[in-house]
């Protein structure tokens, strides 16, 4: 069995859906930021500054989790509606471990899970 070397990631600031591209049915994983609306409400009750620090801490951890997954692939497409993918790329380009990984970023509208799967398949079959 050959190793999967390509993956698609549909993400925003709080949730990422990772789809491994292969000829077999896609293997799908999810990652969720620990910064929830409840945590935002509680930390905002303390102070706005505290809430922003807490959000940044959780976002950093969320991006680290995604980076660990991306390291396993040779080619990755990151897509979604928000600018989170660009923020993640800013983190990745500072680390030389990602120099040999092809990372494509594409802004998309909302896509259902089946549309995300089709988007990833189409992208990698064309490239």
C-alpha atoms as a PDB file:
ATOM      1  CA  UNK A   1       0.000   0.000   0.000  1.00  0.00           C
ATOM      2  CA  UNK A   2       1.451   3.366  -0.983  1.00  0.00           C
ATOM      3  CA  UNK A   3       1.745   6.256   1.423  1.00  0.00           C
ATOM      4  CA  UNK A   4      -0.720   9.110   0.992  1.00  0.00           C
ATOM      5  CA  UNK A   5       1.280  12.212   0.155  1.00  0.00           C
ATOM      6  CA  UNK A   6      -1.510  14.695  -0.565  1.00  0.00           C
ATOM      7  CA  UNK A   7      -4.176  16.227   1.640  1.00  0.00           C
ATOM      8  CA  UNK A   8      -6.845  18.879   1.512  1.00  0.00           C
ATOM      9  CA  UNK A   9      -7.699  21.012   4.524  1.00  0.00           C
ATOM     10  CA  UNK A  10     -10.904  23.010   4.749  1.00  0.00           C
ATOM     11  CA  UNK A  11     -10.505  25.395   7.659  1.00  0.00           C
ATOM     12  CA  UNK A  12     -11.608  28.484   9.488  1.00  0.00           C
ATOM     13  CA  UNK A  13     -10.383  29.950  12.787  1.00  0.00           C
ATOM     14  CA  UNK A  14     -11.987  27.249  14.915  1.00  0.00           C
ATOM     15  CA  UNK A  15     -12.395  24.064  12.881  1.00  0.00           C
ATOM     16  CA  UNK A  16     -10.381  22.151  10.294  1.00  0.00           C
ATOM     17  CA  UNK A  17     -11.390  19.124   8.242  1.00  0.00           C
ATOM     18  CA  UNK A  18      -8.417  17.194   6.859  1.00  0.00           C
ATOM     19  CA  UNK A  19      -9.008  14.934   3.840  1.00  0.00           C
ATOM     20  CA  UNK A  20      -6.248  12.549   2.731  1.00  0.00           C
ATOM     21  CA  UNK A  21      -6.283  12.189  -1.041  1.00  0.00           C
ATOM     22  CA  UNK A  22      -6.015   8.652  -2.394  1.00  0.00           C
ATOM     23  CA  UNK A  23      -7.791   6.287  -4.743  1.00  0.00           C
ATOM     24  CA  UNK A  24      -9.418   4.665  -1.736  1.00  0.00           C
ATOM     25  CA  UNK A  25     -12.227   6.353   0.166  1.00  0.00           C
ATOM     26  CA  UNK A  26     -10.840   9.525   1.737  1.00  0.00           C
ATOM     27  CA  UNK A  27      -9.577   9.339   5.298  1.00  0.00           C
ATOM     28  CA  UNK A  28     -11.034  12.315   7.129  1.00  0.00           C
ATOM     29  CA  UNK A  29      -9.842  13.845  10.398  1.00  0.00           C
ATOM     30  CA  UNK A  30     -11.047  16.926  12.230  1.00  0.00           C
ATOM     31  CA  UNK A  31      -9.373  19.397  14.556  1.00  0.00           C
ATOM     32  CA  UNK A  32     -11.181  21.983  16.618  1.00  0.00           C
ATOM     33  CA  UNK A  33      -9.797  25.011  18.420  1.00  0.00           C
ATOM     34  CA  UNK A  34     -10.331  24.964  22.167  1.00  0.00           C
ATOM     35  CA  UNK A  35     -11.423  28.624  22.102  1.00  0.00           C
ATOM     36  CA  UNK A  36     -15.206  28.205  22.272  1.00  0.00           C
ATOM     37  CA  UNK A  37     -17.934  30.825  22.517  1.00  0.00           C
ATOM     38  CA  UNK A  38     -18.355  29.911  26.190  1.00  0.00           C
ATOM     39  CA  UNK A  39     -14.655  30.451  26.845  1.00  0.00           C
ATOM     40  CA  UNK A  40     -14.820  33.745  24.969  1.00  0.00           C
ATOM     41  CA  UNK A  41     -17.745  34.876  27.125  1.00  0.00           C
ATOM     42  CA  UNK A  42     -16.022  33.883  30.372  1.00  0.00           C
ATOM     43  CA  UNK A  43     -12.678  35.461  29.496  1.00  0.00           C
ATOM     44  CA  UNK A  44     -14.371  38.614  28.205  1.00  0.00           C
ATOM     45  CA  UNK A  45     -16.072  38.937  31.601  1.00  0.00           C
ATOM     46  CA  UNK A  46     -12.581  39.282  33.113  1.00  0.00           C
ATOM     47  CA  UNK A  47     -11.292  41.749  30.520  1.00  0.00           C
ATOM     48  CA  UNK A  48     -11.076  42.227  26.778  1.00  0.00           C
ATOM     49  CA  UNK A  49      -7.279  42.064  26.933  1.00  0.00           C
ATOM     50  CA  UNK A  50      -7.458  38.709  28.755  1.00  0.00           C
ATOM     51  CA  UNK A  51      -9.898  37.399  26.132  1.00  0.00           C
ATOM     52  CA  UNK A  52      -7.544  38.365  23.278  1.00  0.00           C
ATOM     53  CA  UNK A  53      -4.565  36.702  24.990  1.00  0.00           C
ATOM     54  CA  UNK A  54      -6.595  33.551  25.593  1.00  0.00           C
ATOM     55  CA  UNK A  55      -7.767  33.526  21.963  1.00  0.00           C
ATOM     56  CA  UNK A  56      -4.195  33.953  20.692  1.00  0.00           C
ATOM     57  CA  UNK A  57      -2.977  31.133  22.946  1.00  0.00           C
ATOM     58  CA  UNK A  58      -5.632  28.742  21.643  1.00  0.00           C
ATOM     59  CA  UNK A  59      -5.094  29.829  18.032  1.00  0.00           C
ATOM     60  CA  UNK A  60      -1.361  29.157  18.357  1.00  0.00           C
ATOM     61  CA  UNK A  61      -2.076  25.666  19.698  1.00  0.00           C
ATOM     62  CA  UNK A  62      -4.635  25.038  16.922  1.00  0.00           C
ATOM     63  CA  UNK A  63      -2.106  26.075  14.246  1.00  0.00           C
ATOM     64  CA  UNK A  64       0.578  23.851  15.850  1.00  0.00           C
ATOM     65  CA  UNK A  65      -1.771  20.863  15.607  1.00  0.00           C
ATOM     66  CA  UNK A  66      -2.393  21.615  11.936  1.00  0.00           C
ATOM     67  CA  UNK A  67       1.336  22.074  11.285  1.00  0.00           C
ATOM     68  CA  UNK A  68       2.064  18.631  12.760  1.00  0.00           C
ATOM     69  CA  UNK A  69      -0.439  17.104  10.350  1.00  0.00           C
ATOM     70  CA  UNK A  70       0.792  19.083   7.320  1.00  0.00           C
ATOM     71  CA  UNK A  71       4.389  17.867   7.927  1.00  0.00           C
ATOM     72  CA  UNK A  72       3.288  14.351   6.959  1.00  0.00           C
ATOM     73  CA  UNK A  73       2.430  15.314   3.368  1.00  0.00           C
ATOM     74  CA  UNK A  74       4.274  16.414   0.236  1.00  0.00           C
ATOM     75  CA  UNK A  75       1.398  18.465  -1.153  1.00  0.00           C
ATOM     76  CA  UNK A  76      -1.445  20.221   0.666  1.00  0.00           C
ATOM     77  CA  UNK A  77      -4.327  22.390  -0.454  1.00  0.00           C
ATOM     78  CA  UNK A  78      -5.815  24.632   2.221  1.00  0.00           C
ATOM     79  CA  UNK A  79      -9.153  26.230   1.458  1.00  0.00           C
ATOM     80  CA  UNK A  80     -12.153  27.852   3.098  1.00  0.00           C
ATOM     81  CA  UNK A  81     -14.086  31.073   3.546  1.00  0.00           C
ATOM     82  CA  UNK A  82     -11.956  32.901   6.115  1.00  0.00           C
ATOM     83  CA  UNK A  83      -8.429  34.317   6.223  1.00  0.00           C
ATOM     84  CA  UNK A  84      -7.368  31.629   8.716  1.00  0.00           C
ATOM     85  CA  UNK A  85      -5.505  29.766   5.954  1.00  0.00           C
ATOM     86  CA  UNK A  86      -3.347  32.846   5.274  1.00  0.00           C
ATOM     87  CA  UNK A  87      -2.616  33.227   8.983  1.00  0.00           C
ATOM     88  CA  UNK A  88      -1.605  29.557   9.138  1.00  0.00           C
ATOM     89  CA  UNK A  89       0.666  29.981   6.115  1.00  0.00           C
ATOM     90  CA  UNK A  90       2.371  32.938   7.841  1.00  0.00           C
ATOM     91  CA  UNK A  91       3.252  30.541  10.672  1.00  0.00           C
ATOM     92  CA  UNK A  92       4.375  27.735   8.345  1.00  0.00           C
ATOM     93  CA  UNK A  93       6.720  29.805   6.164  1.00  0.00           C
ATOM     94  CA  UNK A  94       8.847  30.694   9.199  1.00  0.00           C
ATOM     95  CA  UNK A  95       9.687  26.997   9.707  1.00  0.00           C
ATOM     96  CA  UNK A  96      12.170  25.381   7.283  1.00  0.00           C
ATOM     97  CA  UNK A  97      10.486  21.982   7.764  1.00  0.00           C
ATOM     98  CA  UNK A  98       7.770  23.160   5.377  1.00  0.00           C
ATOM     99  CA  UNK A  99      10.131  24.317   2.606  1.00  0.00           C
ATOM    100  CA  UNK A 100       9.709  21.106   0.584  1.00  0.00           C
ATOM    101  CA  UNK A 101       5.944  20.866   0.982  1.00  0.00           C
ATOM    102  CA  UNK A 102       3.823  22.359  -1.780  1.00  0.00           C
ATOM    103  CA  UNK A 103       1.044  24.336  -0.113  1.00  0.00           C
ATOM    104  CA  UNK A 104      -1.739  25.899  -2.194  1.00  0.00           C
ATOM    105  CA  UNK A 105      -4.251  28.310  -0.650  1.00  0.00           C
ATOM    106  CA  UNK A 106      -7.651  28.839  -2.248  1.00  0.00           C
ATOM    107  CA  UNK A 107     -10.487  31.074  -1.068  1.00  0.00           C
ATOM    108  CA  UNK A 108     -13.824  29.291  -1.455  1.00  0.00           C
ATOM    109  CA  UNK A 109     -17.451  29.852  -0.577  1.00  0.00           C
ATOM    110  CA  UNK A 110     -19.155  27.566   1.912  1.00  0.00           C
ATOM    111  CA  UNK A 111     -18.861  23.936   0.773  1.00  0.00           C
ATOM    112  CA  UNK A 112     -20.718  20.933   2.164  1.00  0.00           C
ATOM    113  CA  UNK A 113     -18.617  17.924   3.186  1.00  0.00           C
ATOM    114  CA  UNK A 114     -19.292  16.131  -0.107  1.00  0.00           C
ATOM    115  CA  UNK A 115     -18.405  19.313  -2.038  1.00  0.00           C
ATOM    116  CA  UNK A 116     -15.162  19.568  -0.033  1.00  0.00           C
ATOM    117  CA  UNK A 117     -14.287  15.971  -0.934  1.00  0.00           C
ATOM    118  CA  UNK A 118     -14.997  16.649  -4.624  1.00  0.00           C
ATOM    119  CA  UNK A 119     -12.997  19.886  -4.499  1.00  0.00           C
ATOM    120  CA  UNK A 120      -9.938  18.054  -3.118  1.00  0.00           C
ATOM    121  CA  UNK A 121     -10.229  15.176  -5.618  1.00  0.00           C
ATOM    122  CA  UNK A 122     -10.623  17.565  -8.561  1.00  0.00           C
ATOM    123  CA  UNK A 123      -7.692  19.714  -7.445  1.00  0.00           C
ATOM    124  CA  UNK A 124      -5.260  16.814  -7.111  1.00  0.00           C
ATOM    125  CA  UNK A 125      -6.412  15.019 -10.263  1.00  0.00           C
ATOM    126  CA  UNK A 126      -5.784  18.206 -12.287  1.00  0.00           C
ATOM    127  CA  UNK A 127      -2.357  18.870 -10.750  1.00  0.00           C
END
